[in-house]
Amino acid sequence: MNPSSSAVFVLAALALSLLVGCERAKPSPSAAAASAASSAALSIDASGCAAQRAFERLDARSLVPLLPHMANHQKQNMRDHLLAVQEIVLGLGSDDFGAIERAAARLGYSPQMGQMCNHMGAGAPGFTERALAFHHTADGISSAARARDRGAVMGALGATLRACTSCHEAFQQRVVAESAFPHTPP
């Protein structure tokens, strides 16, 4: 392995250990060696975990326990929500009501979206209700776009963004192990 490959390996190992989290009691000898070898390149150490825990204690939002793949899926959905809002705003700028309606449809309610909200909110009282309210509120954007009512689109977009920000003010993701995830009955 050449020095450049070694550095990439060490950084990748360090990044993976950070993704796994600060909960590890004792790193394996190879992880400890990788961490020691990369300390010159990165100044991330155990104090970073302590700082993360201190930060988490300051954040009073309710936790939404999610499995890693669920948390990732939810973040991908949130990013698409932001893209949809961007497309709605761009559509408003050019009075492209078709584009507004298509973008708003990605935010709106569907039975599949309802099922996903119920599943993801299983361990966080009040989360599912807020998530469903967000999607139903977004349906107003589509209705206003179909009516070609620019003012109503803006009003519905504002209400949707209020639902969005109030949910983010109340809840935060917490990635948990399978054993800690609250499964809903079938």
Protein backbone atom coordinates (compact mmCIF):
# COMPACT_ATOMS: atom_id res chain seq x y z
CA MET A 1 0.00 0.00 0.00
CA ASN A 2 1.50 3.37 -0.97
CA PRO A 3 1.49 6.32 1.49
CA SER A 4 -1.42 7.99 -0.31
CA SER A 5 -3.51 4.80 -0.11
CA SER A 6 -2.61 4.44 3.57
CA ALA A 7 -3.79 7.97 4.29
CA VAL A 8 -7.07 7.37 2.46
CA PHE A 9 -7.57 4.11 4.37
CA VAL A 10 -6.88 5.80 7.71
CA LEU A 11 -9.26 8.67 6.94
CA ALA A 12 -11.94 6.24 5.74
CA ALA A 13 -11.55 4.17 8.92
CA LEU A 14 -11.82 7.31 11.03
CA ALA A 15 -14.90 8.51 9.16
CA LEU A 16 -16.54 5.11 9.58
CA SER A 17 -15.83 5.14 13.30
CA LEU A 18 -17.44 8.58 13.57
CA LEU A 19 -20.51 7.37 11.68
CA VAL A 20 -20.82 4.43 14.05
CA GLY A 21 -20.92 6.97 16.83
CA CYS A 22 -19.40 7.92 20.12
CA GLU A 23 -21.11 5.08 21.96
CA ARG A 24 -18.23 2.60 21.47
CA ALA A 25 -16.69 1.74 24.78
CA LYS A 26 -13.24 0.70 23.53
CA PRO A 27 -11.96 0.89 19.94
CA SER A 28 -10.38 -2.18 18.41
CA PRO A 29 -6.56 -2.16 18.17
CA SER A 30 -6.71 -1.47 14.43
CA ALA A 31 -9.17 1.41 14.91
CA ALA A 32 -6.98 2.81 17.68
CA ALA A 33 -3.93 2.62 15.40
CA ALA A 34 -5.85 4.27 12.57
CA SER A 35 -7.01 7.01 14.91
CA ALA A 36 -3.52 7.61 16.24
CA ALA A 37 -2.06 7.65 12.73
CA SER A 38 -4.54 10.20 11.52
CA SER A 39 -4.43 12.53 14.51
CA ALA A 40 -1.94 14.75 12.72
CA ALA A 41 -4.28 15.10 9.73
CA LEU A 42 -7.51 15.49 11.71
CA SER A 43 -7.96 16.75 15.23
CA ILE A 44 -11.04 14.65 15.99
CA ASP A 45 -10.73 12.75 19.26
CA ALA A 46 -12.71 11.62 22.28
CA SER A 47 -13.35 15.23 23.26
CA GLY A 48 -15.37 15.51 20.05
CA CYS A 49 -17.72 12.83 21.36
CA ALA A 50 -18.01 14.65 24.67
CA ALA A 51 -18.77 17.87 22.81
CA GLN A 52 -21.42 16.07 20.73
CA ARG A 53 -23.07 14.73 23.89
CA ALA A 54 -23.01 18.23 25.44
CA PHE A 55 -24.62 19.63 22.31
CA GLU A 56 -27.30 16.94 22.37
CA ARG A 57 -28.16 17.83 25.98
CA LEU A 58 -28.75 21.44 24.89
CA ASP A 59 -31.19 20.40 22.16
CA ALA A 60 -34.56 20.07 23.88
CA ARG A 61 -36.45 18.80 20.82
CA SER A 62 -38.24 15.46 21.05
CA LEU A 63 -36.38 12.50 19.62
CA VAL A 64 -37.63 10.54 16.63
CA PRO A 65 -35.96 7.13 16.93
CA LEU A 66 -35.09 5.74 13.50
CA LEU A 67 -33.04 2.87 12.17
CA PRO A 68 -30.05 4.04 10.08
CA HIS A 69 -31.69 3.28 6.73
CA MET A 70 -34.89 5.02 7.85
CA ALA A 71 -33.00 8.14 8.98
CA ASN A 72 -31.22 8.27 5.64
CA HIS A 73 -34.49 7.81 3.74
CA GLN A 74 -36.13 10.56 5.78
CA LYS A 75 -33.24 12.95 5.09
CA GLN A 76 -33.47 12.18 1.37
CA ASN A 77 -37.20 13.01 1.53
CA MET A 78 -36.47 16.27 3.35
CA ARG A 79 -33.96 17.25 0.69
CA ASP A 80 -36.53 16.51 -2.00
CA HIS A 81 -39.05 18.63 -0.07
CA LEU A 82 -36.59 21.53 -0.27
CA LEU A 83 -36.13 20.97 -4.00
CA ALA A 84 -39.90 20.92 -4.45
CA VAL A 85 -40.19 24.24 -2.58
CA GLN A 86 -37.46 25.66 -4.82
CA GLU A 87 -39.36 24.48 -7.92
CA ILE A 88 -42.59 26.01 -6.58
CA VAL A 89 -40.88 29.36 -6.02
CA LEU A 90 -39.33 29.24 -9.51
CA GLY A 91 -42.75 28.34 -10.93
CA LEU A 92 -44.27 31.33 -9.14
CA GLY A 93 -41.64 33.56 -10.73
CA SER A 94 -42.73 32.53 -14.22
CA ASP A 95 -46.42 31.76 -13.53
CA ASP A 96 -45.77 28.13 -14.51
CA PHE A 97 -48.69 26.58 -12.66
CA GLY A 98 -48.05 23.15 -14.17
CA ALA A 99 -44.55 23.10 -12.69
CA ILE A 100 -45.94 24.30 -9.36
CA GLU A 101 -48.53 21.54 -9.32
CA ARG A 102 -45.97 18.84 -10.22
CA ALA A 103 -43.58 20.01 -7.50
CA ALA A 104 -46.35 20.33 -4.91
CA ALA A 105 -47.51 16.78 -5.65
CA ARG A 106 -44.20 15.55 -4.19
CA LEU A 107 -45.05 17.31 -0.93
CA GLY A 108 -48.70 16.32 -0.76
CA TYR A 109 -50.46 13.45 0.95
CA SER A 110 -50.69 9.96 -0.48
CA PRO A 111 -51.56 6.66 1.19
CA GLN A 112 -47.92 5.57 0.79
CA MET A 113 -46.75 8.80 2.44
CA GLY A 114 -49.24 8.27 5.27
CA GLN A 115 -47.95 4.76 5.88
CA MET A 116 -44.36 5.99 5.90
CA CYS A 117 -45.18 8.78 8.38
CA ASN A 118 -46.89 6.29 10.69
CA HIS A 119 -43.94 3.92 10.56
CA MET A 120 -41.28 6.59 11.09
CA GLY A 121 -43.21 8.28 13.87
CA ALA A 122 -43.87 5.07 15.82
CA GLY A 123 -41.57 6.07 18.67
CA ALA A 124 -42.22 9.81 18.84
CA PRO A 125 -45.60 10.89 20.20
CA GLY A 126 -47.05 13.67 18.04
CA PHE A 127 -44.63 13.25 15.16
CA THR A 128 -46.96 11.29 12.88
CA GLU A 129 -49.76 13.81 13.35
CA ARG A 130 -47.48 16.72 12.48
CA ALA A 131 -46.02 14.91 9.49
CA LEU A 132 -49.47 14.08 8.13
CA ALA A 133 -50.65 17.66 8.73
CA PHE A 134 -47.64 18.91 6.75
CA HIS A 135 -48.51 16.72 3.76
CA HIS A 136 -52.21 17.62 3.89
CA THR A 137 -51.31 21.32 4.11
CA ALA A 138 -49.11 20.93 1.03
CA ASP A 139 -52.15 19.63 -0.87
CA GLY A 140 -53.38 23.23 -0.78
CA ILE A 141 -50.51 24.27 -3.04
CA SER A 142 -51.63 21.81 -5.71
CA SER A 143 -55.24 22.97 -5.46
CA ALA A 144 -54.24 26.61 -5.79
CA ALA A 145 -51.99 25.82 -8.76
CA ARG A 146 -54.84 24.00 -10.53
CA ALA A 147 -56.97 27.11 -9.99
CA ARG A 148 -54.09 29.23 -11.36
CA ASP A 149 -54.38 31.41 -8.25
CA ARG A 150 -50.96 32.89 -7.58
CA GLY A 151 -51.94 34.46 -4.24
CA ALA A 152 -53.46 31.21 -3.02
CA VAL A 153 -50.31 29.31 -4.06
CA MET A 154 -48.21 31.73 -2.03
CA GLY A 155 -50.55 31.45 0.96
CA ALA A 156 -50.57 27.64 0.81
CA LEU A 157 -46.79 27.57 0.40
CA GLY A 158 -46.43 29.80 3.48
CA ALA A 159 -48.72 27.50 5.50
CA THR A 160 -46.76 24.47 4.33
CA LEU A 161 -43.44 26.04 5.30
CA ARG A 162 -44.87 26.95 8.73
CA ALA A 163 -45.86 23.28 9.19
CA CYS A 164 -42.38 22.27 8.08
CA THR A 165 -40.47 24.60 10.37
CA SER A 166 -42.70 23.89 13.38
CA CYS A 167 -42.00 20.17 13.00
CA HIS A 168 -38.25 20.79 12.79
CA GLU A 169 -38.51 22.99 15.89
CA ALA A 170 -40.21 20.16 17.79
CA PHE A 171 -38.37 17.02 16.62
CA GLN A 172 -34.92 15.69 15.80
CA GLN A 173 -33.75 12.38 14.41
CA ARG A 174 -32.03 9.87 16.68
CA VAL A 175 -30.47 6.88 14.98
CA VAL A 176 -31.03 3.74 17.07
CA ALA A 177 -30.23 0.05 16.88
CA GLU A 178 -32.87 -2.44 15.72
CA SER A 179 -33.39 -3.55 19.33
CA ALA A 180 -34.31 0.00 20.37
CA PHE A 181 -36.69 0.76 17.49
CA PRO A 182 -40.37 0.78 18.50
CA HIS A 183 -42.03 -1.48 15.94
CA THR A 184 -45.67 -0.88 15.15
CA PRO A 185 -48.01 -3.89 15.21
CA PRO A 186 -48.81 -5.30 11.72
